[in-house]
PDB file of N, CA and C in Angstrom:
ATOM      1  N   MET A   1      38.614 -30.706  22.859  1.00  0.00           N
ATOM      2  CA  MET A   1      37.385 -30.963  23.596  1.00  0.00           C
ATOM      3  C   MET A   1      37.685 -31.793  24.747  1.00  0.00           C
ATOM      4  N   ALA A   2      37.244 -31.470  25.847  1.00  0.00           N
ATOM      5  CA  ALA A   2      37.427 -32.102  27.181  1.00  0.00           C
ATOM      6  C   ALA A   2      36.363 -33.134  27.283  1.00  0.00           C
ATOM      7  N   GLY A   3      36.584 -34.181  28.069  1.00  0.00           N
ATOM      8  CA  GLY A   3      35.628 -35.198  28.400  1.00  0.00           C
ATOM      9  C   GLY A   3      35.343 -36.231  27.409  1.00  0.00           C
ATOM     10  N   GLU A   4      34.264 -36.854  27.573  1.00  0.00           N
ATOM     11  CA  GLU A   4      33.876 -38.095  26.537  1.00  0.00           C
ATOM     12  C   GLU A   4      33.562 -37.510  25.181  1.00  0.00           C
ATOM     13  N   PRO A   5      33.964 -38.290  24.213  1.00  0.00           N
ATOM     14  CA  PRO A   5      33.278 -37.777  22.768  1.00  0.00           C
ATOM     15  C   PRO A   5      31.807 -37.883  22.764  1.00  0.00           C
ATOM     16  N   ILE A   6      31.328 -37.068  22.013  1.00  0.00           N
ATOM     17  CA  ILE A   6      29.758 -37.068  21.794  1.00  0.00           C
ATOM     18  C   ILE A   6      29.519 -38.190  20.888  1.00  0.00           C
ATOM     19  N   ARG A   7      28.238 -38.807  21.162  1.00  0.00           N
ATOM     20  CA  ARG A   7      27.740 -39.787  20.290  1.00  0.00           C
ATOM     21  C   ARG A   7      26.521 -39.363  19.539  1.00  0.00           C
ATOM     22  N   SER A   8      26.633 -39.922  18.383  1.00  0.00           N
ATOM     23  CA  SER A   8      25.421 -39.660  17.487  1.00  0.00           C
ATOM     24  C   SER A   8      24.156 -40.264  18.099  1.00  0.00           C
ATOM     25  N   VAL A   9      23.025 -39.853  17.577  1.00  0.00           N
ATOM     26  CA  VAL A   9      21.723 -40.537  18.086  1.00  0.00           C
ATOM     27  C   VAL A   9      21.512 -41.846  17.475  1.00  0.00           C
ATOM     28  N   TRP A  10      22.407 -42.200  16.387  1.00  0.00           N
ATOM     29  CA  TRP A  10      22.525 -43.534  15.926  1.00  0.00           C
ATOM     30  C   TRP A  10      23.513 -44.352  16.518  1.00  0.00           C
ATOM     31  N   TYR A  11      24.285 -44.081  17.424  1.00  0.00           N
ATOM     32  CA  TYR A  11      25.348 -44.613  18.092  1.00  0.00           C
ATOM     33  C   TYR A  11      25.003 -46.112  18.649  1.00  0.00           C
ATOM     34  N   ASP A  12      23.972 -46.142  19.314  1.00  0.00           N
ATOM     35  CA  ASP A  12      23.517 -47.459  20.040  1.00  0.00           C
ATOM     36  C   ASP A  12      23.184 -48.511  18.853  1.00  0.00           C
ATOM     37  N   LEU A  13      22.427 -47.956  17.920  1.00  0.00           N
ATOM     38  CA  LEU A  13      22.019 -48.997  16.808  1.00  0.00           C
ATOM     39  C   LEU A  13      23.263 -49.436  16.032  1.00  0.00           C
ATOM     40  N   GLN A  14      24.150 -48.536  15.857  1.00  0.00           N
ATOM     41  CA  GLN A  14      25.342 -48.943  15.087  1.00  0.00           C
ATOM     42  C   GLN A  14      26.203 -49.885  15.853  1.00  0.00           C
ATOM     43  N   ALA A  15      26.209 -49.657  17.179  1.00  0.00           N
ATOM     44  CA  ALA A  15      26.984 -50.455  18.069  1.00  0.00           C
ATOM     45  C   ALA A  15      26.431 -51.836  18.032  1.00  0.00           C
ATOM     46  N   GLU A  16      25.240 -51.809  18.101  1.00  0.00           N
ATOM     47  CA  GLU A  16      24.480 -53.178  18.273  1.00  0.00           C
ATOM     48  C   GLU A  16      24.700 -54.031  16.757  1.00  0.00           C
ATOM     49  N   GLN A  17      25.071 -53.360  15.789  1.00  0.00           N
ATOM     50  CA  GLN A  17      25.386 -54.009  14.472  1.00  0.00           C
ATOM     51  C   GLN A  17      26.836 -54.274  14.353  1.00  0.00           C
ATOM     52  N   GLY A  18      27.475 -54.018  15.484  1.00  0.00           N
ATOM     53  CA  GLY A  18      28.980 -54.257  15.478  1.00  0.00           C
ATOM     54  C   GLY A  18      29.947 -53.198  15.115  1.00  0.00           C
ATOM     55  N   ALA A  19      29.456 -51.986  14.875  1.00  0.00           N
ATOM     56  CA  ALA A  19      30.096 -50.875  14.517  1.00  0.00           C
ATOM     57  C   ALA A  19      31.399 -50.533  15.311  1.00  0.00           C
ATOM     58  N   GLU A  20      32.487 -50.099  14.853  1.00  0.00           N
ATOM     59  CA  GLU A  20      33.658 -49.643  15.608  1.00  0.00           C
ATOM     60  C   GLU A  20      33.836 -48.167  15.398  1.00  0.00           C
ATOM     61  N   PHE A  21      34.127 -47.412  16.343  1.00  0.00           N
ATOM     62  CA  PHE A  21      34.223 -45.993  16.381  1.00  0.00           C
ATOM     63  C   PHE A  21      35.460 -45.404  16.622  1.00  0.00           C
ATOM     64  N   GLU A  22      35.699 -44.129  16.076  1.00  0.00           N
ATOM     65  CA  GLU A  22      36.961 -43.440  16.414  1.00  0.00           C
ATOM     66  C   GLU A  22      36.553 -42.059  16.652  1.00  0.00           C
ATOM     67  N   ASP A  23      37.462 -41.464  17.655  1.00  0.00           N
ATOM     68  CA  ASP A  23      37.097 -40.226  18.092  1.00  0.00           C
ATOM     69  C   ASP A  23      37.676 -39.159  17.019  1.00  0.00           C
ATOM     70  N   PHE A  24      36.906 -38.335  16.441  1.00  0.00           N
ATOM     71  CA  PHE A  24      37.221 -37.256  15.555  1.00  0.00           C
ATOM     72  C   PHE A  24      36.792 -35.946  15.995  1.00  0.00           C
ATOM     73  N   ASP A  25      37.653 -35.083  16.515  1.00  0.00           N
ATOM     74  CA  ASP A  25      37.398 -33.821  16.996  1.00  0.00           C
ATOM     75  C   ASP A  25      36.165 -33.787  18.087  1.00  0.00           C
ATOM     76  N   GLY A  26      36.105 -34.658  18.893  1.00  0.00           N
ATOM     77  CA  GLY A  26      35.266 -34.706  19.959  1.00  0.00           C
ATOM     78  C   GLY A  26      34.016 -35.583  19.613  1.00  0.00           C
ATOM     79  N   TRP A  27      33.847 -36.084  18.317  1.00  0.00           N
ATOM     80  CA  TRP A  27      32.767 -36.823  18.055  1.00  0.00           C
ATOM     81  C   TRP A  27      33.174 -38.251  17.667  1.00  0.00           C
ATOM     82  N   LEU A  28      32.267 -39.294  18.074  1.00  0.00           N
ATOM     83  CA  LEU A  28      32.515 -40.547  17.877  1.00  0.00           C
ATOM     84  C   LEU A  28      31.976 -40.887  16.183  1.00  0.00           C
ATOM     85  N   TRP A  29      32.858 -41.083  15.488  1.00  0.00           N
ATOM     86  CA  TRP A  29      32.479 -41.480  13.940  1.00  0.00           C
ATOM     87  C   TRP A  29      32.511 -42.966  13.861  1.00  0.00           C
ATOM     88  N   THR A  30      31.660 -43.446  12.988  1.00  0.00           N
ATOM     89  CA  THR A  30      31.642 -44.888  12.761  1.00  0.00           C
ATOM     90  C   THR A  30      32.725 -45.114  11.670  1.00  0.00           C
ATOM     91  N   ALA A  31      33.739 -46.014  12.166  1.00  0.00           N
ATOM     92  CA  ALA A  31      34.875 -46.304  11.411  1.00  0.00           C
ATOM     93  C   ALA A  31      34.615 -47.570  10.494  1.00  0.00           C
ATOM     94  N   THR A  32      33.894 -48.451  11.035  1.00  0.00           N
ATOM     95  CA  THR A  32      33.525 -49.657  10.235  1.00  0.00           C
ATOM     96  C   THR A  32      32.392 -50.555  10.956  1.00  0.00           C
ATOM     97  N   LEU A  33      31.780 -51.283  10.275  1.00  0.00           N
ATOM     98  CA  LEU A  33      30.887 -52.170  10.786  1.00  0.00           C
ATOM     99  C   LEU A  33      31.327 -53.693  10.942  1.00  0.00           C
ATOM    100  N   GLY A  34      32.644 -53.635  10.682  1.00  0.00           N
ATOM    101  CA  GLY A  34      33.353 -54.857  10.984  1.00  0.00           C
ATOM    102  C   GLY A  34      33.571 -55.835   9.746  1.00  0.00           C
ATOM    103  N   ASP A  35      32.850 -55.592   8.548  1.00  0.00           N
ATOM    104  CA  ASP A  35      32.974 -56.403   7.420  1.00  0.00           C
ATOM    105  C   ASP A  35      33.088 -55.440   6.250  1.00  0.00           C
ATOM    106  N   VAL A  36      34.287 -55.076   5.933  1.00  0.00           N
ATOM    107  CA  VAL A  36      34.591 -54.063   4.939  1.00  0.00           C
ATOM    108  C   VAL A  36      34.047 -54.613   3.571  1.00  0.00           C
ATOM    109  N   ALA A  37      34.302 -55.751   3.223  1.00  0.00           N
ATOM    110  CA  ALA A  37      33.811 -56.271   1.957  1.00  0.00           C
ATOM    111  C   ALA A  37      32.404 -56.290   1.759  1.00  0.00           C
ATOM    112  N   GLY A  38      31.735 -56.582   2.887  1.00  0.00           N
ATOM    113  CA  GLY A  38      30.213 -56.628   3.064  1.00  0.00           C
ATOM    114  C   GLY A  38      29.745 -55.230   2.909  1.00  0.00           C
ATOM    115  N   GLU A  39      30.354 -54.299   3.657  1.00  0.00           N
ATOM    116  CA  GLU A  39      29.909 -52.846   3.443  1.00  0.00           C
ATOM    117  C   GLU A  39      29.961 -52.430   1.932  1.00  0.00           C
ATOM    118  N   TYR A  40      31.050 -52.617   1.348  1.00  0.00           N
ATOM    119  CA  TYR A  40      31.350 -52.268   0.010  1.00  0.00           C
ATOM    120  C   TYR A  40      30.202 -52.931  -0.866  1.00  0.00           C
ATOM    121  N   GLU A  41      30.036 -54.225  -0.718  1.00  0.00           N
ATOM    122  CA  GLU A  41      29.016 -54.964  -1.632  1.00  0.00           C
ATOM    123  C   GLU A  41      27.771 -54.336  -1.473  1.00  0.00           C
ATOM    124  N   ALA A  42      27.322 -54.063  -0.232  1.00  0.00           N
ATOM    125  CA  ALA A  42      26.059 -53.354   0.151  1.00  0.00           C
ATOM    126  C   ALA A  42      25.856 -52.057  -0.626  1.00  0.00           C
ATOM    127  N   ILE A  43      26.864 -51.200  -0.632  1.00  0.00           N
ATOM    128  CA  ILE A  43      26.545 -49.969  -1.263  1.00  0.00           C
ATOM    129  C   ILE A  43      26.693 -50.055  -2.796  1.00  0.00           C
ATOM    130  N   ARG A  44      27.377 -50.969  -3.202  1.00  0.00           N
ATOM    131  CA  ARG A  44      27.406 -51.189  -4.790  1.00  0.00           C
ATOM    132  C   ARG A  44      26.249 -51.885  -5.336  1.00  0.00           C
ATOM    133  N   THR A  45      25.479 -52.751  -4.518  1.00  0.00           N
ATOM    134  CA  THR A  45      24.315 -53.539  -5.006  1.00  0.00           C
ATOM    135  C   THR A  45      23.033 -53.163  -4.315  1.00  0.00           C
ATOM    136  N   ASP A  46      22.981 -52.486  -3.275  1.00  0.00           N
ATOM    137  CA  ASP A  46      21.785 -52.167  -2.480  1.00  0.00           C
ATOM    138  C   ASP A  46      21.738 -50.955  -1.986  1.00  0.00           C
ATOM    139  N   VAL A  47      21.869 -50.561  -0.721  1.00  0.00           N
ATOM    140  CA  VAL A  47      21.968 -49.203  -0.180  1.00  0.00           C
ATOM    141  C   VAL A  47      22.999 -49.085   0.887  1.00  0.00           C
ATOM    142  N   GLY A  48      23.403 -47.914   1.040  1.00  0.00           N
ATOM    143  CA  GLY A  48      24.283 -47.676   2.173  1.00  0.00           C
ATOM    144  C   GLY A  48      23.843 -46.304   2.970  1.00  0.00           C
ATOM    145  N   MET A  49      24.261 -46.284   4.133  1.00  0.00           N
ATOM    146  CA  MET A  49      23.822 -45.094   4.848  1.00  0.00           C
ATOM    147  C   MET A  49      24.907 -44.551   5.804  1.00  0.00           C
ATOM    148  N   TRP A  50      25.315 -43.336   5.627  1.00  0.00           N
ATOM    149  CA  TRP A  50      26.357 -42.644   6.440  1.00  0.00           C
ATOM    150  C   TRP A  50      25.626 -41.676   7.403  1.00  0.00           C
ATOM    151  N   ASP A  51      26.098 -41.777   8.670  1.00  0.00           N
ATOM    152  CA  ASP A  51      25.722 -41.211   9.772  1.00  0.00           C
ATOM    153  C   ASP A  51      26.385 -39.773   9.705  1.00  0.00           C
ATOM    154  N   VAL A  52      25.749 -38.625   9.388  1.00  0.00           N
ATOM    155  CA  VAL A  52      26.395 -37.356   9.259  1.00  0.00           C
ATOM    156  C   VAL A  52      25.937 -36.483  10.466  1.00  0.00           C
ATOM    157  N   PHE A  53      25.538 -37.046  11.446  1.00  0.00           N
ATOM    158  CA  PHE A  53      24.917 -36.268  12.742  1.00  0.00           C
ATOM    159  C   PHE A  53      25.999 -35.144  13.047  1.00  0.00           C
ATOM    160  N   PRO A  54      27.270 -35.408  13.278  1.00  0.00           N
ATOM    161  CA  PRO A  54      28.217 -34.492  13.751  1.00  0.00           C
ATOM    162  C   PRO A  54      28.360 -33.203  12.652  1.00  0.00           C
ATOM    163  N   LEU A  55      27.887 -33.475  11.438  1.00  0.00           N
ATOM    164  CA  LEU A  55      28.087 -32.338  10.364  1.00  0.00           C
ATOM    165  C   LEU A  55      27.011 -31.317  10.268  1.00  0.00           C
ATOM    166  N   VAL A  56      25.828 -31.699  10.847  1.00  0.00           N
ATOM    167  CA  VAL A  56      24.692 -30.981  10.580  1.00  0.00           C
ATOM    168  C   VAL A  56      24.190 -29.955  11.778  1.00  0.00           C
ATOM    169  N   LYS A  57      25.054 -29.199  12.216  1.00  0.00           N
ATOM    170  CA  LYS A  57      24.867 -28.253  13.350  1.00  0.00           C
ATOM    171  C   LYS A  57      24.874 -26.913  12.771  1.00  0.00           C
ATOM    172  N   TRP A  58      23.810 -26.198  13.103  1.00  0.00           N
ATOM    173  CA  TRP A  58      23.703 -24.776  12.682  1.00  0.00           C
ATOM    174  C   TRP A  58      23.226 -23.989  13.943  1.00  0.00           C
ATOM    175  N   ASP A  59      23.722 -23.023  13.903  1.00  0.00           N
ATOM    176  CA  ASP A  59      23.480 -21.963  15.189  1.00  0.00           C
ATOM    177  C   ASP A  59      23.248 -20.617  14.563  1.00  0.00           C
ATOM    178  N   PHE A  60      22.013 -20.205  14.366  1.00  0.00           N
ATOM    179  CA  PHE A  60      21.679 -18.885  13.971  1.00  0.00           C
ATOM    180  C   PHE A  60      21.285 -17.956  15.085  1.00  0.00           C
ATOM    181  N   VAL A  61      21.922 -16.864  15.300  1.00  0.00           N
ATOM    182  CA  VAL A  61      21.725 -15.979  16.293  1.00  0.00           C
ATOM    183  C   VAL A  61      21.553 -14.527  15.721  1.00  0.00           C
ATOM    184  N   GLY A  62      20.831 -13.671  16.551  1.00  0.00           N
ATOM    185  CA  GLY A  62      20.648 -12.298  16.173  1.00  0.00           C
ATOM    186  C   GLY A  62      19.249 -12.038  15.754  1.00  0.00           C
ATOM    187  N   PRO A  63      18.877 -10.809  15.576  1.00  0.00           N
ATOM    188  CA  PRO A  63      17.746 -10.258  15.125  1.00  0.00           C
ATOM    189  C   PRO A  63      17.136 -10.941  13.803  1.00  0.00           C
ATOM    190  N   ASP A  64      18.007 -11.195  12.963  1.00  0.00           N
ATOM    191  CA  ASP A  64      17.474 -11.667  11.753  1.00  0.00           C
ATOM    192  C   ASP A  64      17.810 -13.134  11.588  1.00  0.00           C
ATOM    193  N   ALA A  65      17.974 -13.999  12.544  1.00  0.00           N
ATOM    194  CA  ALA A  65      18.338 -15.425  12.668  1.00  0.00           C
ATOM    195  C   ALA A  65      17.245 -16.307  11.838  1.00  0.00           C
ATOM    196  N   LEU A  66      16.003 -15.900  12.051  1.00  0.00           N
ATOM    197  CA  LEU A  66      14.991 -16.735  11.295  1.00  0.00           C
ATOM    198  C   LEU A  66      15.054 -16.506   9.900  1.00  0.00           C
ATOM    199  N   VAL A  67      15.282 -15.182   9.465  1.00  0.00           N
ATOM    200  CA  VAL A  67      15.230 -14.983   7.938  1.00  0.00           C
ATOM    201  C   VAL A  67      16.380 -15.620   7.397  1.00  0.00           C
ATOM    202  N   ALA A  68      17.729 -15.612   8.183  1.00  0.00           N
ATOM    203  CA  ALA A  68      18.806 -16.271   7.599  1.00  0.00           C
ATOM    204  C   ALA A  68      18.611 -17.673   7.510  1.00  0.00           C
ATOM    205  N   ALA A  69      18.128 -18.361   8.593  1.00  0.00           N
ATOM    206  CA  ALA A  69      17.907 -19.753   8.482  1.00  0.00           C
ATOM    207  C   ALA A  69      16.814 -20.170   7.357  1.00  0.00           C
ATOM    208  N   GLN A  70      15.740 -19.338   7.255  1.00  0.00           N
ATOM    209  CA  GLN A  70      14.843 -19.704   6.123  1.00  0.00           C
ATOM    210  C   GLN A  70      15.319 -19.479   4.833  1.00  0.00           C
ATOM    211  N   ARG A  71      16.520 -18.665   4.572  1.00  0.00           N
ATOM    212  CA  ARG A  71      17.085 -18.654   3.199  1.00  0.00           C
ATOM    213  C   ARG A  71      17.988 -19.816   2.997  1.00  0.00           C
ATOM    214  N   THR A  72      18.220 -20.577   3.976  1.00  0.00           N
ATOM    215  CA  THR A  72      19.219 -21.766   3.879  1.00  0.00           C
ATOM    216  C   THR A  72      18.488 -22.980   3.814  1.00  0.00           C
ATOM    217  N   PHE A  73      17.195 -23.095   4.392  1.00  0.00           N
ATOM    218  CA  PHE A  73      16.383 -24.395   4.294  1.00  0.00           C
ATOM    219  C   PHE A  73      15.068 -24.239   3.416  1.00  0.00           C
ATOM    220  N   THR A  74      14.551 -25.347   3.004  1.00  0.00           N
ATOM    221  CA  THR A  74      13.385 -25.406   2.255  1.00  0.00           C
ATOM    222  C   THR A  74      11.994 -25.429   3.005  1.00  0.00           C
ATOM    223  N   ASN A  75      12.321 -26.008   4.309  1.00  0.00           N
ATOM    224  CA  ASN A  75      11.020 -26.102   5.222  1.00  0.00           C
ATOM    225  C   ASN A  75      10.636 -24.766   5.543  1.00  0.00           C
ATOM    226  N   ASP A  76       9.392 -24.588   5.992  1.00  0.00           N
ATOM    227  CA  ASP A  76       8.878 -23.329   6.578  1.00  0.00           C
ATOM    228  C   ASP A  76       9.360 -23.389   8.086  1.00  0.00           C
ATOM    229  N   LEU A  77      10.372 -22.817   8.436  1.00  0.00           N
ATOM    230  CA  LEU A  77      10.838 -22.690   9.833  1.00  0.00           C
ATOM    231  C   LEU A  77      10.131 -21.918  10.704  1.00  0.00           C
ATOM    232  N   ARG A  78       9.252 -21.077  10.177  1.00  0.00           N
ATOM    233  CA  ARG A  78       8.286 -20.309  11.168  1.00  0.00           C
ATOM    234  C   ARG A  78       7.567 -21.185  11.903  1.00  0.00           C
ATOM    235  N   SER A  79       7.195 -22.452  11.653  1.00  0.00           N
ATOM    236  CA  SER A  79       6.399 -23.356  12.415  1.00  0.00           C
ATOM    237  C   SER A  79       7.115 -24.042  13.545  1.00  0.00           C
ATOM    238  N   LEU A  80       8.451 -23.867  13.734  1.00  0.00           N
ATOM    239  CA  LEU A  80       9.258 -24.327  14.779  1.00  0.00           C
ATOM    240  C   LEU A  80       9.321 -23.433  15.856  1.00  0.00           C
ATOM    241  N   GLU A  81       9.203 -24.009  17.119  1.00  0.00           N
ATOM    242  CA  GLU A  81       9.484 -23.294  18.347  1.00  0.00           C
ATOM    243  C   GLU A  81      10.933 -23.046  18.602  1.00  0.00           C
ATOM    244  N   VAL A  82      11.499 -22.133  19.426  1.00  0.00           N
ATOM    245  CA  VAL A  82      12.920 -21.915  19.687  1.00  0.00           C
ATOM    246  C   VAL A  82      13.308 -23.253  20.431  1.00  0.00           C
ATOM    247  N   GLY A  83      14.338 -23.775  19.894  1.00  0.00           N
ATOM    248  CA  GLY A  83      15.058 -24.975  20.488  1.00  0.00           C
ATOM    249  C   GLY A  83      14.518 -26.290  19.739  1.00  0.00           C
ATOM    250  N   GLN A  84      13.416 -26.267  19.037  1.00  0.00           N
ATOM    251  CA  GLN A  84      12.897 -27.361  18.408  1.00  0.00           C
ATOM    252  C   GLN A  84      13.736 -27.885  17.069  1.00  0.00           C
ATOM    253  N   VAL A  85      13.749 -29.048  16.882  1.00  0.00           N
ATOM    254  CA  VAL A  85      14.650 -29.490  15.705  1.00  0.00           C
ATOM    255  C   VAL A  85      13.748 -29.932  14.543  1.00  0.00           C
ATOM    256  N   GLY A  86      14.041 -29.498  13.394  1.00  0.00           N
ATOM    257  CA  GLY A  86      13.384 -29.833  12.270  1.00  0.00           C
ATOM    258  C   GLY A  86      13.689 -31.261  11.689  1.00  0.00           C
ATOM    259  N   THR A  87      12.742 -31.875  10.936  1.00  0.00           N
ATOM    260  CA  THR A  87      13.056 -33.342  10.553  1.00  0.00           C
ATOM    261  C   THR A  87      13.602 -33.497   9.080  1.00  0.00           C
ATOM    262  N   GLY A  88      13.877 -32.358   8.483  1.00  0.00           N
ATOM    263  CA  GLY A  88      14.511 -32.485   7.109  1.00  0.00           C
ATOM    264  C   GLY A  88      13.299 -32.026   6.154  1.00  0.00           C
ATOM    265  N   PRO A  89      13.816 -32.177   4.756  1.00  0.00           N
ATOM    266  CA  PRO A  89      12.954 -31.621   3.644  1.00  0.00           C
ATOM    267  C   PRO A  89      11.560 -32.257   3.822  1.00  0.00           C
ATOM    268  N   SER A  90      10.432 -31.433   3.498  1.00  0.00           N
ATOM    269  CA  SER A  90       9.169 -32.183   3.438  1.00  0.00           C
ATOM    270  C   SER A  90       8.529 -31.685   2.137  1.00  0.00           C
TER     271      SER A  90
END
């Protein structure tokens, strides 16, 4: 992939928290927030969140694209406009 790596929508927030990133196949992945022991403790005792933005891209094309997408997702995709992004399960 040429050019700058793609940043997640969470990039700025993570960078503010001290995240360090690495380029993986054209995407900037969060490598660490700088305190590995603190991250480990947080997921063992509280909550952790992983930015999977680069993993959730779908491209349905063709005359039955809506039918194929609807079979994959639980939300009613007929309510979305072409190019609109869904917000997840409801």
